[in-house]
């Protein structure tokens, strides 16, 4: 179904990192879609890392996706200083979590 945040929201695993200056999240947010297999993997990674986050269904929160520039699922949005940093695939989320352990 193309009925998600925007017509180009895709389930993928390519490297991309964005900085967003508008609404800075207080708690990390994971944007997912119900049918995305990589989203399930991302949720498992975060659960196994005991990482506290808010789960956002992108298909039900299109306005928020548009406002925050979310184009892919899964995307983890984390506050770093005064910026949001986006990790928009499983491998980027995994790298981020591994970096926290160091």
N, C-alpha and C. Protein backbone atom coordinates (compact mmCIF):
# COMPACT_ATOMS: atom_id res chain seq x y z
N UNK A 1 0.84 -1.19 0.00
CA UNK A 1 0.00 0.00 0.00
C UNK A 1 0.88 1.25 0.00
N UNK A 2 0.51 2.21 -0.81
CA UNK A 2 1.29 3.45 -0.84
C UNK A 2 0.69 4.47 0.13
N UNK A 3 -0.28 4.03 0.93
CA UNK A 3 -0.96 4.94 1.85
C UNK A 3 -0.16 5.12 3.13
N UNK A 4 0.98 5.80 3.01
CA UNK A 4 1.82 6.06 4.17
C UNK A 4 2.16 7.54 4.21
N UNK A 5 3.18 7.92 4.95
CA UNK A 5 3.50 9.34 5.15
C UNK A 5 3.50 10.11 3.84
N UNK A 6 4.22 9.58 2.91
CA UNK A 6 4.28 10.22 1.59
C UNK A 6 4.40 9.08 0.60
N UNK A 7 4.19 9.37 -0.64
CA UNK A 7 4.18 8.30 -1.63
C UNK A 7 5.54 7.61 -1.75
N UNK A 8 6.59 8.29 -1.28
CA UNK A 8 7.91 7.68 -1.42
C UNK A 8 8.45 7.07 -0.12
N UNK A 9 7.57 6.84 0.86
CA UNK A 9 8.00 6.14 2.06
C UNK A 9 8.23 4.68 1.69
N UNK A 10 9.43 4.19 1.92
CA UNK A 10 9.74 2.84 1.50
C UNK A 10 10.36 2.06 2.64
N UNK A 11 10.26 0.77 2.56
CA UNK A 11 10.94 -0.12 3.48
C UNK A 11 12.26 -0.48 2.81
N UNK A 12 13.37 -0.06 3.36
CA UNK A 12 14.63 -0.27 2.64
C UNK A 12 15.79 -0.38 3.62
N UNK A 13 16.96 -0.57 3.06
CA UNK A 13 18.14 -0.69 3.91
C UNK A 13 19.34 -0.01 3.25
N UNK A 14 19.18 1.24 2.91
CA UNK A 14 20.28 2.02 2.34
C UNK A 14 20.72 3.05 3.37
N UNK A 15 21.97 3.48 3.27
CA UNK A 15 22.49 4.44 4.24
C UNK A 15 21.97 5.84 3.95
N UNK A 16 21.44 6.47 4.97
CA UNK A 16 21.03 7.87 4.85
C UNK A 16 20.92 8.43 6.26
N UNK A 17 21.41 9.62 6.45
CA UNK A 17 21.32 10.26 7.76
C UNK A 17 20.95 11.72 7.54
N UNK A 18 19.97 12.20 8.28
CA UNK A 18 19.47 13.56 8.06
C UNK A 18 19.46 14.31 9.39
N UNK A 19 19.60 15.59 9.30
CA UNK A 19 19.43 16.44 10.48
C UNK A 19 18.18 17.29 10.26
N UNK A 20 17.39 17.43 11.29
CA UNK A 20 16.11 18.13 11.19
C UNK A 20 16.06 19.21 12.26
N UNK A 21 15.74 20.44 11.89
CA UNK A 21 15.84 21.55 12.84
C UNK A 21 14.52 21.98 13.47
N UNK A 22 13.41 21.37 13.07
CA UNK A 22 12.11 21.81 13.59
C UNK A 22 11.84 21.27 14.98
N UNK A 23 10.90 20.35 15.08
CA UNK A 23 10.50 19.75 16.35
C UNK A 23 11.58 18.78 16.82
N UNK A 24 12.26 19.12 17.92
CA UNK A 24 13.30 18.23 18.44
C UNK A 24 12.65 17.27 19.44
N UNK A 25 12.85 15.98 19.21
CA UNK A 25 12.21 14.98 20.06
C UNK A 25 12.86 14.95 21.44
N UNK A 26 12.06 14.74 22.46
CA UNK A 26 12.60 14.55 23.81
C UNK A 26 12.94 13.09 24.02
N UNK A 27 12.07 12.22 23.55
CA UNK A 27 12.28 10.78 23.68
C UNK A 27 12.48 10.22 22.28
N UNK A 28 13.41 9.29 22.11
CA UNK A 28 13.62 8.71 20.77
C UNK A 28 12.31 8.14 20.21
N UNK A 29 12.13 8.29 18.90
CA UNK A 29 10.93 7.80 18.24
C UNK A 29 11.33 6.83 17.14
N UNK A 30 10.60 5.71 17.05
CA UNK A 30 10.81 4.77 15.96
C UNK A 30 9.57 4.79 15.08
N UNK A 31 9.78 5.22 13.83
CA UNK A 31 8.69 5.25 12.85
C UNK A 31 8.68 3.93 12.09
N UNK A 32 7.54 3.25 12.10
CA UNK A 32 7.41 1.96 11.44
C UNK A 32 6.11 1.90 10.65
N UNK A 33 5.99 0.87 9.81
CA UNK A 33 4.71 0.56 9.17
C UNK A 33 4.36 -0.88 9.52
N UNK A 34 3.08 -1.21 9.54
CA UNK A 34 2.67 -2.56 9.97
C UNK A 34 3.20 -3.68 9.08
N UNK A 35 3.46 -3.40 7.81
CA UNK A 35 3.83 -4.46 6.87
C UNK A 35 5.33 -4.56 6.60
N UNK A 36 6.13 -3.71 7.23
CA UNK A 36 7.56 -3.65 6.92
C UNK A 36 8.34 -4.69 7.73
N UNK A 37 8.99 -5.66 7.06
CA UNK A 37 9.74 -6.68 7.81
C UNK A 37 10.95 -6.11 8.55
N UNK A 38 11.60 -5.10 7.98
CA UNK A 38 12.76 -4.49 8.65
C UNK A 38 12.34 -3.76 9.92
N UNK A 39 11.09 -3.30 9.97
CA UNK A 39 10.61 -2.62 11.18
C UNK A 39 10.57 -3.59 12.36
N UNK A 40 10.16 -4.82 12.10
CA UNK A 40 10.14 -5.84 13.16
C UNK A 40 11.56 -6.07 13.68
N UNK A 41 12.53 -6.14 12.75
CA UNK A 41 13.93 -6.34 13.16
C UNK A 41 14.41 -5.15 14.00
N UNK A 42 14.04 -3.94 13.60
CA UNK A 42 14.46 -2.75 14.35
C UNK A 42 13.88 -2.78 15.76
N UNK A 43 12.61 -3.15 15.89
CA UNK A 43 11.97 -3.22 17.20
C UNK A 43 12.67 -4.26 18.08
N UNK A 44 13.04 -5.39 17.49
CA UNK A 44 13.74 -6.44 18.25
C UNK A 44 15.11 -5.94 18.72
N UNK A 45 15.84 -5.26 17.83
CA UNK A 45 17.16 -4.71 18.21
C UNK A 45 17.02 -3.75 19.38
N UNK A 46 16.05 -2.85 19.31
CA UNK A 46 15.86 -1.85 20.37
C UNK A 46 15.43 -2.52 21.68
N UNK A 47 14.56 -3.52 21.57
CA UNK A 47 14.11 -4.24 22.76
C UNK A 47 15.29 -4.95 23.42
N UNK A 48 16.10 -5.64 22.61
CA UNK A 48 17.25 -6.37 23.15
C UNK A 48 18.28 -5.45 23.79
N UNK A 49 18.32 -4.20 23.34
CA UNK A 49 19.26 -3.21 23.90
C UNK A 49 18.66 -2.47 25.09
N UNK A 50 17.42 -2.86 25.49
CA UNK A 50 16.70 -2.15 26.56
C UNK A 50 16.63 -0.65 26.29
N UNK A 51 16.40 -0.31 25.02
CA UNK A 51 16.38 1.09 24.58
C UNK A 51 14.96 1.62 24.70
N UNK A 52 14.81 2.72 25.41
CA UNK A 52 13.49 3.31 25.65
C UNK A 52 13.12 4.24 24.50
N UNK A 53 12.01 3.99 23.85
CA UNK A 53 11.60 4.82 22.72
C UNK A 53 10.09 4.82 22.57
N UNK A 54 9.61 5.74 21.77
CA UNK A 54 8.19 5.81 21.46
C UNK A 54 7.98 5.22 20.07
N UNK A 55 7.04 4.29 19.96
CA UNK A 55 6.75 3.64 18.68
C UNK A 55 5.68 4.45 17.94
N UNK A 56 5.98 4.84 16.71
CA UNK A 56 5.04 5.63 15.91
C UNK A 56 4.68 4.83 14.66
N UNK A 57 3.38 4.60 14.47
CA UNK A 57 2.92 3.96 13.24
C UNK A 57 2.83 5.04 12.17
N UNK A 58 3.73 4.96 11.18
CA UNK A 58 3.79 6.01 10.15
C UNK A 58 2.50 6.11 9.36
N UNK A 59 1.79 5.00 9.22
CA UNK A 59 0.56 5.03 8.42
C UNK A 59 -0.55 5.79 9.14
N UNK A 60 -0.45 5.92 10.45
CA UNK A 60 -1.48 6.61 11.23
C UNK A 60 -1.05 8.02 11.65
N UNK A 61 0.19 8.38 11.35
CA UNK A 61 0.72 9.68 11.78
C UNK A 61 1.38 10.41 10.61
N UNK A 62 0.63 10.54 9.52
CA UNK A 62 1.20 11.13 8.30
C UNK A 62 1.66 12.57 8.50
N UNK A 63 0.88 13.34 9.28
CA UNK A 63 1.24 14.75 9.49
C UNK A 63 2.59 14.86 10.20
N UNK A 64 2.79 14.02 11.21
CA UNK A 64 4.06 14.03 11.95
C UNK A 64 5.21 13.61 11.03
N UNK A 65 4.96 12.59 10.21
CA UNK A 65 6.00 12.14 9.26
C UNK A 65 6.40 13.28 8.33
N UNK A 66 5.40 13.96 7.80
CA UNK A 66 5.66 15.05 6.87
C UNK A 66 6.44 16.16 7.57
N UNK A 67 5.99 16.51 8.78
CA UNK A 67 6.63 17.58 9.55
C UNK A 67 8.09 17.25 9.85
N UNK A 68 8.36 15.98 10.12
CA UNK A 68 9.71 15.59 10.52
C UNK A 68 10.56 15.08 9.36
N UNK A 69 9.97 15.02 8.16
CA UNK A 69 10.74 14.60 7.00
C UNK A 69 11.03 13.10 6.96
N UNK A 70 10.14 12.31 7.57
CA UNK A 70 10.32 10.85 7.56
C UNK A 70 9.92 10.31 6.20
N UNK A 71 10.84 9.62 5.55
CA UNK A 71 10.55 9.09 4.21
C UNK A 71 10.69 7.57 4.14
N UNK A 72 11.27 6.96 5.15
CA UNK A 72 11.52 5.51 5.12
C UNK A 72 11.11 4.87 6.44
N UNK A 73 10.83 3.58 6.34
CA UNK A 73 10.55 2.81 7.55
C UNK A 73 11.46 1.59 7.53
N UNK A 74 12.11 1.27 8.65
CA UNK A 74 12.04 1.99 9.93
C UNK A 74 12.97 3.21 9.98
N UNK A 75 12.58 4.23 10.71
CA UNK A 75 13.45 5.37 10.98
C UNK A 75 13.44 5.62 12.48
N UNK A 76 14.63 5.64 13.08
CA UNK A 76 14.78 6.00 14.49
C UNK A 76 15.23 7.46 14.55
N UNK A 77 14.48 8.27 15.31
CA UNK A 77 14.82 9.69 15.46
C UNK A 77 15.29 9.89 16.90
N UNK A 78 16.51 10.43 17.05
CA UNK A 78 17.12 10.59 18.37
C UNK A 78 17.60 12.03 18.51
N UNK A 79 17.39 12.59 19.69
CA UNK A 79 17.87 13.95 19.96
C UNK A 79 19.36 13.91 20.28
N UNK A 80 20.13 14.73 19.57
CA UNK A 80 21.55 14.90 19.89
C UNK A 80 21.82 16.40 19.96
N UNK A 81 21.95 16.90 21.18
CA UNK A 81 22.09 18.34 21.36
C UNK A 81 20.77 19.01 21.02
N UNK A 82 20.81 19.98 20.10
CA UNK A 82 19.60 20.68 19.69
C UNK A 82 19.09 20.17 18.35
N UNK A 83 19.54 19.01 17.96
CA UNK A 83 19.15 18.46 16.66
C UNK A 83 18.52 17.09 16.81
N UNK A 84 17.68 16.74 15.83
CA UNK A 84 17.26 15.36 15.68
C UNK A 84 18.22 14.70 14.70
N UNK A 85 18.65 13.50 15.02
CA UNK A 85 19.44 12.72 14.08
C UNK A 85 18.60 11.50 13.71
N UNK A 86 18.53 11.22 12.41
CA UNK A 86 17.70 10.12 11.92
C UNK A 86 18.57 8.97 11.43
N UNK A 87 18.19 7.78 11.86
CA UNK A 87 18.84 6.55 11.40
C UNK A 87 17.74 5.77 10.68
N UNK A 88 17.80 5.77 9.33
CA UNK A 88 16.60 5.29 8.65
C UNK A 88 16.74 3.94 7.96
N UNK A 89 17.40 3.03 8.64
CA UNK A 89 17.33 1.62 8.25
C UNK A 89 17.91 0.77 9.38
N UNK A 90 17.74 -0.53 9.29
CA UNK A 90 18.14 -1.42 10.38
C UNK A 90 19.64 -1.36 10.65
N UNK A 91 20.46 -1.33 9.59
CA UNK A 91 21.91 -1.35 9.83
C UNK A 91 22.37 -0.06 10.51
N UNK A 92 21.77 1.08 10.17
CA UNK A 92 22.13 2.34 10.83
C UNK A 92 21.68 2.34 12.29
N UNK A 93 20.49 1.80 12.56
CA UNK A 93 20.00 1.70 13.94
C UNK A 93 20.91 0.80 14.76
N UNK A 94 21.33 -0.30 14.16
CA UNK A 94 22.22 -1.24 14.85
C UNK A 94 23.56 -0.57 15.17
N UNK A 95 24.11 0.18 14.19
CA UNK A 95 25.38 0.88 14.43
C UNK A 95 25.24 1.90 15.55
N UNK A 96 24.11 2.62 15.57
CA UNK A 96 23.86 3.60 16.61
C UNK A 96 23.84 2.93 17.99
N UNK A 97 23.12 1.80 18.09
CA UNK A 97 23.03 1.10 19.37
C UNK A 97 24.39 0.57 19.80
N UNK A 98 25.17 0.06 18.86
CA UNK A 98 26.52 -0.43 19.19
C UNK A 98 27.40 0.70 19.69
N UNK A 99 27.22 1.89 19.13
CA UNK A 99 27.98 3.07 19.57
C UNK A 99 27.64 3.48 20.99
N UNK A 100 26.40 3.22 21.42
CA UNK A 100 25.99 3.57 22.78
C UNK A 100 26.67 2.69 23.83
N UNK A 101 27.03 1.47 23.43
CA UNK A 101 27.61 0.52 24.38
C UNK A 101 29.05 0.86 24.72
N UNK A 102 29.71 1.63 23.84
CA UNK A 102 31.14 1.89 24.02
C UNK A 102 31.40 2.82 25.19
